[in-house]
Amino acid sequence: MTQQAAALQTYNNELVKCIEDLCSKREELNHQIKQEEEEKERLQHDIRVLSEKLSRVNESLAQRLAARATFDRTIAETEAAYTKFILHSGLFVIYLIDL
């Protein structure tokens, strides 16, 4: 019986050690999970911040593109009017010379 009791005690000790090892591994895994959850939260925050910044940049870009188009249109109209003015001025000078 003593031999059986010793064997049973050995198995019991091994079982307790296995349970302790599993608990230790679980705690380490839990620590890793918490770290990854924190990293996930930081990344999601960064994504939100960058998305908001991208939205603001897109809005600003759209406004600047519209302003540039207005400048292009104004410049083209002004150049066309100036060309007409020069042409008519030249014709007027020729008319005055002919008088």
PDB file of N, CA and C in Angstrom:
ATOM      1  N   MET A   1       0.804  -1.185   0.000  1.00  0.00           N
ATOM      2  CA  MET A   1       0.000   0.000   0.000  1.00  0.00           C
ATOM      3  C   MET A   1       0.852   1.256   0.000  1.00  0.00           C
ATOM      4  N   THR A   2       1.936   1.221   0.675  1.00  0.00           N
ATOM      5  CA  THR A   2       2.784   2.385   0.764  1.00  0.00           C
ATOM      6  C   THR A   2       3.303   2.774  -0.606  1.00  0.00           C
ATOM      7  N   GLN A   3       3.617   1.752  -1.388  1.00  0.00           N
ATOM      8  CA  GLN A   3       4.091   2.020  -2.742  1.00  0.00           C
ATOM      9  C   GLN A   3       2.979   2.685  -3.552  1.00  0.00           C
ATOM     10  N   GLN A   4       1.762   2.210  -3.412  1.00  0.00           N
ATOM     11  CA  GLN A   4       0.631   2.794  -4.125  1.00  0.00           C
ATOM     12  C   GLN A   4       0.375   4.234  -3.656  1.00  0.00           C
ATOM     13  N   ALA A   5       0.507   4.467  -2.400  1.00  0.00           N
ATOM     14  CA  ALA A   5       0.304   5.801  -1.857  1.00  0.00           C
ATOM     15  C   ALA A   5       1.381   6.753  -2.366  1.00  0.00           C
ATOM     16  N   ALA A   6       2.610   6.250  -2.457  1.00  0.00           N
ATOM     17  CA  ALA A   6       3.706   7.078  -2.961  1.00  0.00           C
ATOM     18  C   ALA A   6       3.480   7.406  -4.433  1.00  0.00           C
ATOM     19  N   ALA A   7       3.027   6.391  -5.197  1.00  0.00           N
ATOM     20  CA  ALA A   7       2.752   6.615  -6.617  1.00  0.00           C
ATOM     21  C   ALA A   7       1.604   7.606  -6.773  1.00  0.00           C
ATOM     22  N   LEU A   8       0.575   7.443  -5.956  1.00  0.00           N
ATOM     23  CA  LEU A   8      -0.560   8.367  -6.002  1.00  0.00           C
ATOM     24  C   LEU A   8      -0.125   9.788  -5.646  1.00  0.00           C
ATOM     25  N   GLN A   9       0.737   9.907  -4.651  1.00  0.00           N
ATOM     26  CA  GLN A   9       1.245  11.229  -4.264  1.00  0.00           C
ATOM     27  C   GLN A   9       2.074  11.832  -5.398  1.00  0.00           C
ATOM     28  N   THR A  10       2.866  11.028  -6.083  1.00  0.00           N
ATOM     29  CA  THR A  10       3.674  11.494  -7.214  1.00  0.00           C
ATOM     30  C   THR A  10       2.761  11.995  -8.329  1.00  0.00           C
ATOM     31  N   TYR A  11       1.734  11.208  -8.649  1.00  0.00           N
ATOM     32  CA  TYR A  11       0.784  11.631  -9.689  1.00  0.00           C
ATOM     33  C   TYR A  11       0.074  12.924  -9.283  1.00  0.00           C
ATOM     34  N   ASN A  12      -0.280  12.988  -8.025  1.00  0.00           N
ATOM     35  CA  ASN A  12      -0.952  14.177  -7.510  1.00  0.00           C
ATOM     36  C   ASN A  12      -0.032  15.399  -7.648  1.00  0.00           C
ATOM     37  N   ASN A  13       1.226  15.255  -7.276  1.00  0.00           N
ATOM     38  CA  ASN A  13       2.189  16.353  -7.386  1.00  0.00           C
ATOM     39  C   ASN A  13       2.376  16.768  -8.852  1.00  0.00           C
ATOM     40  N   GLU A  14       2.465  15.797  -9.744  1.00  0.00           N
ATOM     41  CA  GLU A  14       2.616  16.095 -11.163  1.00  0.00           C
ATOM     42  C   GLU A  14       1.387  16.819 -11.707  1.00  0.00           C
ATOM     43  N   LEU A  15       0.210  16.384 -11.258  1.00  0.00           N
ATOM     44  CA  LEU A  15      -1.030  17.030 -11.685  1.00  0.00           C
ATOM     45  C   LEU A  15      -1.080  18.476 -11.198  1.00  0.00           C
ATOM     46  N   VAL A  16      -0.712  18.702  -9.945  1.00  0.00           N
ATOM     47  CA  VAL A  16      -0.689  20.069  -9.402  1.00  0.00           C
ATOM     48  C   VAL A  16       0.300  20.922 -10.182  1.00  0.00           C
ATOM     49  N   LYS A  17       1.480  20.346 -10.505  1.00  0.00           N
ATOM     50  CA  LYS A  17       2.481  21.078 -11.266  1.00  0.00           C
ATOM     51  C   LYS A  17       1.952  21.404 -12.671  1.00  0.00           C
ATOM     52  N   CYS A  18       1.276  20.484 -13.313  1.00  0.00           N
ATOM     53  CA  CYS A  18       0.693  20.718 -14.640  1.00  0.00           C
ATOM     54  C   CYS A  18      -0.360  21.837 -14.574  1.00  0.00           C
ATOM     55  N   ILE A  19      -1.191  21.788 -13.558  1.00  0.00           N
ATOM     56  CA  ILE A  19      -2.221  22.823 -13.397  1.00  0.00           C
ATOM     57  C   ILE A  19      -1.558  24.188 -13.176  1.00  0.00           C
ATOM     58  N   GLU A  20      -0.510  24.225 -12.338  1.00  0.00           N
ATOM     59  CA  GLU A  20       0.203  25.476 -12.109  1.00  0.00           C
ATOM     60  C   GLU A  20       0.843  25.987 -13.401  1.00  0.00           C
ATOM     61  N   ASP A  21       1.437  25.081 -14.195  1.00  0.00           N
ATOM     62  CA  ASP A  21       2.031  25.464 -15.480  1.00  0.00           C
ATOM     63  C   ASP A  21       0.966  26.025 -16.425  1.00  0.00           C
ATOM     64  N   LEU A  22      -0.180  25.369 -16.470  1.00  0.00           N
ATOM     65  CA  LEU A  22      -1.272  25.853 -17.326  1.00  0.00           C
ATOM     66  C   LEU A  22      -1.746  27.231 -16.872  1.00  0.00           C
ATOM     67  N   CYS A  23      -1.860  27.423 -15.563  1.00  0.00           N
ATOM     68  CA  CYS A  23      -2.263  28.738 -15.041  1.00  0.00           C
ATOM     69  C   CYS A  23      -1.232  29.798 -15.398  1.00  0.00           C
ATOM     70  N   SER A  24       0.037  29.452 -15.303  1.00  0.00           N
ATOM     71  CA  SER A  24       1.102  30.390 -15.644  1.00  0.00           C
ATOM     72  C   SER A  24       1.043  30.747 -17.134  1.00  0.00           C
ATOM     73  N   LYS A  25       0.856  29.741 -17.974  1.00  0.00           N
ATOM     74  CA  LYS A  25       0.750  29.980 -19.419  1.00  0.00           C
ATOM     75  C   LYS A  25      -0.487  30.810 -19.739  1.00  0.00           C
ATOM     76  N   ARG A  26      -1.578  30.555 -19.005  1.00  0.00           N
ATOM     77  CA  ARG A  26      -2.800  31.329 -19.209  1.00  0.00           C
ATOM     78  C   ARG A  26      -2.577  32.792 -18.844  1.00  0.00           C
ATOM     79  N   GLU A  27      -1.877  33.041 -17.743  1.00  0.00           N
ATOM     80  CA  GLU A  27      -1.588  34.407 -17.331  1.00  0.00           C
ATOM     81  C   GLU A  27      -0.717  35.122 -18.361  1.00  0.00           C
ATOM     82  N   GLU A  28       0.285  34.433 -18.891  1.00  0.00           N
ATOM     83  CA  GLU A  28       1.130  35.029 -19.927  1.00  0.00           C
ATOM     84  C   GLU A  28       0.309  35.339 -21.177  1.00  0.00           C
ATOM     85  N   LEU A  29      -0.551  34.404 -21.559  1.00  0.00           N
ATOM     86  CA  LEU A  29      -1.419  34.612 -22.723  1.00  0.00           C
ATOM     87  C   LEU A  29      -2.364  35.785 -22.462  1.00  0.00           C
ATOM     88  N   ASN A  30      -2.901  35.875 -21.265  1.00  0.00           N
ATOM     89  CA  ASN A  30      -3.786  36.979 -20.901  1.00  0.00           C
ATOM     90  C   ASN A  30      -3.048  38.309 -21.000  1.00  0.00           C
ATOM     91  N   HIS A  31      -1.797  38.342 -20.566  1.00  0.00           N
ATOM     92  CA  HIS A  31      -0.978  39.552 -20.661  1.00  0.00           C
ATOM     93  C   HIS A  31      -0.775  39.936 -22.134  1.00  0.00           C
ATOM     94  N   GLN A  32      -0.482  38.962 -22.983  1.00  0.00           N
ATOM     95  CA  GLN A  32      -0.296  39.222 -24.412  1.00  0.00           C
ATOM     96  C   GLN A  32      -1.589  39.734 -25.053  1.00  0.00           C
ATOM     97  N   ILE A  33      -2.712  39.151 -24.640  1.00  0.00           N
ATOM     98  CA  ILE A  33      -4.020  39.590 -25.169  1.00  0.00           C
ATOM     99  C   ILE A  33      -4.270  41.045 -24.786  1.00  0.00           C
ATOM    100  N   LYS A  34      -3.995  41.408 -23.536  1.00  0.00           N
ATOM    101  CA  LYS A  34      -4.195  42.789 -23.096  1.00  0.00           C
ATOM    102  C   LYS A  34      -3.317  43.749 -23.887  1.00  0.00           C
ATOM    103  N   GLN A  35      -2.059  43.354 -24.130  1.00  0.00           N
ATOM    104  CA  GLN A  35      -1.156  44.207 -24.907  1.00  0.00           C
ATOM    105  C   GLN A  35      -1.691  44.407 -26.331  1.00  0.00           C
ATOM    106  N   GLU A  36      -2.153  43.333 -26.949  1.00  0.00           N
ATOM    107  CA  GLU A  36      -2.672  43.441 -28.312  1.00  0.00           C
ATOM    108  C   GLU A  36      -3.965  44.250 -28.354  1.00  0.00           C
ATOM    109  N   GLU A  37      -4.803  44.116 -27.334  1.00  0.00           N
ATOM    110  CA  GLU A  37      -6.027  44.926 -27.276  1.00  0.00           C
ATOM    111  C   GLU A  37      -5.687  46.414 -27.153  1.00  0.00           C
ATOM    112  N   GLU A  38      -4.667  46.723 -26.336  1.00  0.00           N
ATOM    113  CA  GLU A  38      -4.233  48.111 -26.204  1.00  0.00           C
ATOM    114  C   GLU A  38      -3.673  48.635 -27.524  1.00  0.00           C
ATOM    115  N   GLU A  39      -2.879  47.813 -28.196  1.00  0.00           N
ATOM    116  CA  GLU A  39      -2.338  48.216 -29.502  1.00  0.00           C
ATOM    117  C   GLU A  39      -3.462  48.420 -30.508  1.00  0.00           C
ATOM    118  N   LYS A  40      -4.452  47.545 -30.469  1.00  0.00           N
ATOM    119  CA  LYS A  40      -5.606  47.676 -31.365  1.00  0.00           C
ATOM    120  C   LYS A  40      -6.314  49.008 -31.128  1.00  0.00           C
ATOM    121  N   GLU A  41      -6.514  49.358 -29.863  1.00  0.00           N
ATOM    122  CA  GLU A  41      -7.165  50.628 -29.528  1.00  0.00           C
ATOM    123  C   GLU A  41      -6.350  51.817 -30.031  1.00  0.00           C
ATOM    124  N   ARG A  42      -5.021  51.752 -29.839  1.00  0.00           N
ATOM    125  CA  ARG A  42      -4.161  52.846 -30.328  1.00  0.00           C
ATOM    126  C   ARG A  42      -4.257  52.957 -31.848  1.00  0.00           C
ATOM    127  N   LEU A  43      -4.224  51.831 -32.526  1.00  0.00           N
ATOM    128  CA  LEU A  43      -4.303  51.844 -33.984  1.00  0.00           C
ATOM    129  C   LEU A  43      -5.650  52.373 -34.465  1.00  0.00           C
ATOM    130  N   GLN A  44      -6.725  51.970 -33.797  1.00  0.00           N
ATOM    131  CA  GLN A  44      -8.044  52.475 -34.173  1.00  0.00           C
ATOM    132  C   GLN A  44      -8.131  53.985 -33.947  1.00  0.00           C
ATOM    133  N   HIS A  45      -7.533  54.451 -32.859  1.00  0.00           N
ATOM    134  CA  HIS A  45      -7.506  55.894 -32.599  1.00  0.00           C
ATOM    135  C   HIS A  45      -6.726  56.604 -33.702  1.00  0.00           C
ATOM    136  N   ASP A  46      -5.560  56.053 -34.050  1.00  0.00           N
ATOM    137  CA  ASP A  46      -4.752  56.654 -35.114  1.00  0.00           C
ATOM    138  C   ASP A  46      -5.515  56.684 -36.432  1.00  0.00           C
ATOM    139  N   ILE A  47      -6.248  55.621 -36.716  1.00  0.00           N
ATOM    140  CA  ILE A  47      -7.040  55.562 -37.958  1.00  0.00           C
ATOM    141  C   ILE A  47      -8.102  56.659 -37.941  1.00  0.00           C
ATOM    142  N   ARG A  48      -8.773  56.836 -36.803  1.00  0.00           N
ATOM    143  CA  ARG A  48      -9.789  57.900 -36.701  1.00  0.00           C
ATOM    144  C   ARG A  48      -9.164  59.269 -36.921  1.00  0.00           C
ATOM    145  N   VAL A  49      -8.026  59.506 -36.274  1.00  0.00           N
ATOM    146  CA  VAL A  49      -7.348  60.799 -36.406  1.00  0.00           C
ATOM    147  C   VAL A  49      -6.929  61.024 -37.853  1.00  0.00           C
ATOM    148  N   LEU A  50      -6.339  60.006 -38.466  1.00  0.00           N
ATOM    149  CA  LEU A  50      -5.891  60.150 -39.853  1.00  0.00           C
ATOM    150  C   LEU A  50      -7.067  60.291 -40.817  1.00  0.00           C
ATOM    151  N   SER A  51      -8.162  59.616 -40.540  1.00  0.00           N
ATOM    152  CA  SER A  51      -9.352  59.744 -41.388  1.00  0.00           C
ATOM    153  C   SER A  51      -9.907  61.160 -41.326  1.00  0.00           C
ATOM    154  N   GLU A  52      -9.947  61.723 -40.124  1.00  0.00           N
ATOM    155  CA  GLU A  52     -10.422  63.102 -39.973  1.00  0.00           C
ATOM    156  C   GLU A  52      -9.484  64.062 -40.693  1.00  0.00           C
ATOM    157  N   LYS A  53      -8.189  63.838 -40.563  1.00  0.00           N
ATOM    158  CA  LYS A  53      -7.212  64.703 -41.235  1.00  0.00           C
ATOM    159  C   LYS A  53      -7.358  64.569 -42.752  1.00  0.00           C
ATOM    160  N   LEU A  54      -7.526  63.355 -43.242  1.00  0.00           N
ATOM    161  CA  LEU A  54      -7.713  63.143 -44.676  1.00  0.00           C
ATOM    162  C   LEU A  54      -8.962  63.860 -45.171  1.00  0.00           C
ATOM    163  N   SER A  55     -10.017  63.818 -44.392  1.00  0.00           N
ATOM    164  CA  SER A  55     -11.256  64.509 -44.753  1.00  0.00           C
ATOM    165  C   SER A  55     -11.025  66.010 -44.857  1.00  0.00           C
ATOM    166  N   ARG A  56     -10.322  66.583 -43.867  1.00  0.00           N
ATOM    167  CA  ARG A  56     -10.033  68.021 -43.903  1.00  0.00           C
ATOM    168  C   ARG A  56      -9.158  68.389 -45.102  1.00  0.00           C
ATOM    169  N   VAL A  57      -8.162  67.548 -45.390  1.00  0.00           N
ATOM    170  CA  VAL A  57      -7.284  67.809 -46.532  1.00  0.00           C
ATOM    171  C   VAL A  57      -8.073  67.718 -47.835  1.00  0.00           C
ATOM    172  N   ASN A  58      -8.960  66.748 -47.950  1.00  0.00           N
ATOM    173  CA  ASN A  58      -9.778  66.622 -49.154  1.00  0.00           C
ATOM    174  C   ASN A  58     -10.681  67.839 -49.339  1.00  0.00           C
ATOM    175  N   GLU A  59     -11.269  68.320 -48.254  1.00  0.00           N
ATOM    176  CA  GLU A  59     -12.117  69.517 -48.336  1.00  0.00           C
ATOM    177  C   GLU A  59     -11.300  70.735 -48.764  1.00  0.00           C
ATOM    178  N   SER A  60     -10.135  70.911 -48.160  1.00  0.00           N
ATOM    179  CA  SER A  60      -9.266  72.029 -48.494  1.00  0.00           C
ATOM    180  C   SER A  60      -8.815  71.938 -49.946  1.00  0.00           C
ATOM    181  N   LEU A  61      -8.463  70.742 -50.368  1.00  0.00           N
ATOM    182  CA  LEU A  61      -8.027  70.536 -51.745  1.00  0.00           C
ATOM    183  C   LEU A  61      -9.143  70.873 -52.727  1.00  0.00           C
ATOM    184  N   ALA A  62     -10.351  70.457 -52.416  1.00  0.00           N
ATOM    185  CA  ALA A  62     -11.487  70.759 -53.294  1.00  0.00           C
ATOM    186  C   ALA A  62     -11.693  72.271 -53.399  1.00  0.00           C
ATOM    187  N   GLN A  63     -11.581  72.980 -52.268  1.00  0.00           N
ATOM    188  CA  GLN A  63     -11.739  74.434 -52.282  1.00  0.00           C
ATOM    189  C   GLN A  63     -10.625  75.093 -53.095  1.00  0.00           C
ATOM    190  N   ARG A  64      -9.412  74.611 -52.941  1.00  0.00           N
ATOM    191  CA  ARG A  64      -8.287  75.191 -53.678  1.00  0.00           C
ATOM    192  C   ARG A  64      -8.401  74.903 -55.176  1.00  0.00           C
ATOM    193  N   LEU A  65      -8.862  73.711 -55.530  1.00  0.00           N
ATOM    194  CA  LEU A  65      -9.051  73.389 -56.945  1.00  0.00           C
ATOM    195  C   LEU A  65     -10.131  74.271 -57.564  1.00  0.00           C
ATOM    196  N   ALA A  66     -11.192  74.530 -56.809  1.00  0.00           N
ATOM    197  CA  ALA A  66     -12.257  75.411 -57.299  1.00  0.00           C
ATOM    198  C   ALA A  66     -11.729  76.835 -57.466  1.00  0.00           C
ATOM    199  N   ALA A  67     -10.922  77.288 -56.499  1.00  0.00           N
ATOM    200  CA  ALA A  67     -10.347  78.638 -56.588  1.00  0.00           C
ATOM    201  C   ALA A  67      -9.409  78.731 -57.788  1.00  0.00           C
ATOM    202  N   ARG A  68      -8.623  77.683 -58.021  1.00  0.00           N
ATOM    203  CA  ARG A  68      -7.720  77.688 -59.172  1.00  0.00           C
ATOM    204  C   ARG A  68      -8.502  77.735 -60.472  1.00  0.00           C
ATOM    205  N   ALA A  69      -9.582  76.995 -60.547  1.00  0.00           N
ATOM    206  CA  ALA A  69     -10.419  77.012 -61.749  1.00  0.00           C
ATOM    207  C   ALA A  69     -10.984  78.406 -61.978  1.00  0.00           C
ATOM    208  N   THR A  70     -11.374  79.083 -60.890  1.00  0.00           N
ATOM    209  CA  THR A  70     -11.867  80.462 -61.008  1.00  0.00           C
ATOM    210  C   THR A  70     -10.763  81.380 -61.516  1.00  0.00           C
ATOM    211  N   PHE A  71      -9.552  81.234 -60.968  1.00  0.00           N
ATOM    212  CA  PHE A  71      -8.420  82.030 -61.460  1.00  0.00           C
ATOM    213  C   PHE A  71      -8.159  81.761 -62.940  1.00  0.00           C
ATOM    214  N   ASP A  72      -8.155  80.484 -63.328  1.00  0.00           N
ATOM    215  CA  ASP A  72      -7.913  80.137 -64.729  1.00  0.00           C
ATOM    216  C   ASP A  72      -8.950  80.790 -65.644  1.00  0.00           C
ATOM    217  N   ARG A  73     -10.196  80.735 -65.230  1.00  0.00           N
ATOM    218  CA  ARG A  73     -11.283  81.318 -66.018  1.00  0.00           C
ATOM    219  C   ARG A  73     -11.118  82.842 -66.109  1.00  0.00           C
ATOM    220  N   THR A  74     -10.822  83.477 -64.974  1.00  0.00           N
ATOM    221  CA  THR A  74     -10.647  84.928 -64.943  1.00  0.00           C
ATOM    222  C   THR A  74      -9.454  85.350 -65.811  1.00  0.00           C
ATOM    223  N   ILE A  75      -8.358  84.626 -65.708  1.00  0.00           N
ATOM    224  CA  ILE A  75      -7.171  84.944 -66.511  1.00  0.00           C
ATOM    225  C   ILE A  75      -7.485  84.803 -67.999  1.00  0.00           C
ATOM    226  N   ALA A  76      -8.151  83.710 -68.369  1.00  0.00           N
ATOM    227  CA  ALA A  76      -8.491  83.493 -69.781  1.00  0.00           C
ATOM    228  C   ALA A  76      -9.406  84.599 -70.295  1.00  0.00           C
ATOM    229  N   GLU A  77     -10.404  84.979 -69.503  1.00  0.00           N
ATOM    230  CA  GLU A  77     -11.321  86.052 -69.917  1.00  0.00           C
ATOM    231  C   GLU A  77     -10.593  87.384 -70.023  1.00  0.00           C
ATOM    232  N   THR A  78      -9.704  87.670 -69.071  1.00  0.00           N
ATOM    233  CA  THR A  78      -8.955  88.930 -69.080  1.00  0.00           C
ATOM    234  C   THR A  78      -8.003  88.982 -70.275  1.00  0.00           C
ATOM    235  N   GLU A  79      -7.321  87.887 -70.540  1.00  0.00           N
ATOM    236  CA  GLU A  79      -6.418  87.848 -71.693  1.00  0.00           C
ATOM    237  C   GLU A  79      -7.183  88.039 -73.000  1.00  0.00           C
ATOM    238  N   ALA A  80      -8.346  87.419 -73.097  1.00  0.00           N
ATOM    239  CA  ALA A  80      -9.162  87.559 -74.302  1.00  0.00           C
ATOM    240  C   ALA A  80      -9.615  89.008 -74.472  1.00  0.00           C
ATOM    241  N   ALA A  81     -10.052  89.631 -73.369  1.00  0.00           N
ATOM    242  CA  ALA A  81     -10.488  91.023 -73.432  1.00  0.00           C
ATOM    243  C   ALA A  81      -9.310  91.932 -73.774  1.00  0.00           C
ATOM    244  N   TYR A  82      -8.143  91.664 -73.211  1.00  0.00           N
ATOM    245  CA  TYR A  82      -6.951  92.474 -73.486  1.00  0.00           C
ATOM    246  C   TYR A  82      -6.549  92.342 -74.958  1.00  0.00           C
ATOM    247  N   THR A  83      -6.617  91.127 -75.467  1.00  0.00           N
ATOM    248  CA  THR A  83      -6.290  90.909 -76.889  1.00  0.00           C
ATOM    249  C   THR A  83      -7.245  91.699 -77.776  1.00  0.00           C
ATOM    250  N   LYS A  84      -8.523  91.669 -77.447  1.00  0.00           N
ATOM    251  CA  LYS A  84      -9.496  92.449 -78.224  1.00  0.00           C
ATOM    252  C   LYS A  84      -9.200  93.941 -78.125  1.00  0.00           C
ATOM    253  N   PHE A  85      -8.843  94.387 -76.908  1.00  0.00           N
ATOM    254  CA  PHE A  85      -8.539  95.806 -76.704  1.00  0.00           C
ATOM    255  C   PHE A  85      -7.342  96.219 -77.567  1.00  0.00           C
ATOM    256  N   ILE A  86      -6.281  95.425 -77.560  1.00  0.00           N
ATOM    257  CA  ILE A  86      -5.087  95.734 -78.358  1.00  0.00           C
ATOM    258  C   ILE A  86      -5.447  95.758 -79.838  1.00  0.00           C
ATOM    259  N   LEU A  87      -6.216  94.775 -80.285  1.00  0.00           N
ATOM    260  CA  LEU A  87      -6.615  94.711 -81.688  1.00  0.00           C
ATOM    261  C   LEU A  87      -7.427  95.947 -82.065  1.00  0.00           C
ATOM    262  N   HIS A  88      -8.405  96.294 -81.259  1.00  0.00           N
ATOM    263  CA  HIS A  88      -9.248  97.451 -81.548  1.00  0.00           C
ATOM    264  C   HIS A  88      -8.459  98.760 -81.435  1.00  0.00           C
ATOM    265  N   SER A  89      -7.515  98.831 -80.481  1.00  0.00           N
ATOM    266  CA  SER A  89      -6.675 100.025 -80.344  1.00  0.00           C
ATOM    267  C   SER A  89      -5.843 100.223 -81.602  1.00  0.00           C
ATOM    268  N   GLY A  90      -5.286  99.126 -82.107  1.00  0.00           N
ATOM    269  CA  GLY A  90      -4.491  99.207 -83.336  1.00  0.00           C
ATOM    270  C   GLY A  90      -5.338  99.651 -84.500  1.00  0.00           C
ATOM    271  N   LEU A  91      -6.543  99.120 -84.582  1.00  0.00           N
ATOM    272  CA  LEU A  91      -7.440  99.518 -85.667  1.00  0.00           C
ATOM    273  C   LEU A  91      -7.850 100.979 -85.516  1.00  0.00           C
ATOM    274  N   PHE A  92      -8.050 101.417 -84.294  1.00  0.00           N
ATOM    275  CA  PHE A  92      -8.425 102.792 -84.035  1.00  0.00           C
ATOM    276  C   PHE A  92      -7.295 103.743 -84.433  1.00  0.00           C
ATOM    277  N   VAL A  93      -6.067 103.344 -84.111  1.00  0.00           N
ATOM    278  CA  VAL A  93      -4.907 104.163 -84.490  1.00  0.00           C
ATOM    279  C   VAL A  93      -4.827 104.258 -86.009  1.00  0.00           C
ATOM    280  N   ILE A  94      -5.012 103.149 -86.675  1.00  0.00           N
ATOM    281  CA  ILE A  94      -4.982 103.157 -88.133  1.00  0.00           C
ATOM    282  C   ILE A  94      -6.106 104.051 -88.666  1.00  0.00           C
ATOM    283  N   TYR A  95      -7.247 104.000 -88.087  1.00  0.00           N
ATOM    284  CA  TYR A  95      -8.380 104.844 -88.497  1.00  0.00           C
ATOM    285  C   TYR A  95      -8.039 106.311 -88.300  1.00  0.00           C
ATOM    286  N   LEU A  96      -7.418 106.636 -87.141  1.00  0.00           N
ATOM    287  CA  LEU A  96      -7.056 108.025 -86.887  1.00  0.00           C
ATOM    288  C   LEU A  96      -5.991 108.511 -87.863  1.00  0.00           C
ATOM    289  N   ILE A  97      -5.071 107.647 -88.205  1.00  0.00           N
ATOM    290  CA  ILE A  97      -4.031 108.043 -89.155  1.00  0.00           C
ATOM    291  C   ILE A  97      -4.644 108.312 -90.518  1.00  0.00           C
ATOM    292  N   ASP A  98      -5.603 107.510 -90.895  1.00  0.00           N
ATOM    293  CA  ASP A  98      -6.264 107.671 -92.202  1.00  0.00           C
ATOM    294  C   ASP A  98      -7.087 108.956 -92.249  1.00  0.00           C
ATOM    295  N   LEU A  99      -7.491 109.471 -91.177  1.00  0.00           N
ATOM    296  CA  LEU A  99      -8.316 110.688 -91.167  1.00  0.00           C
ATOM    297  C   LEU A  99      -7.489 111.830 -91.512  1.00  0.00           C
TER     298      LEU A  99
END
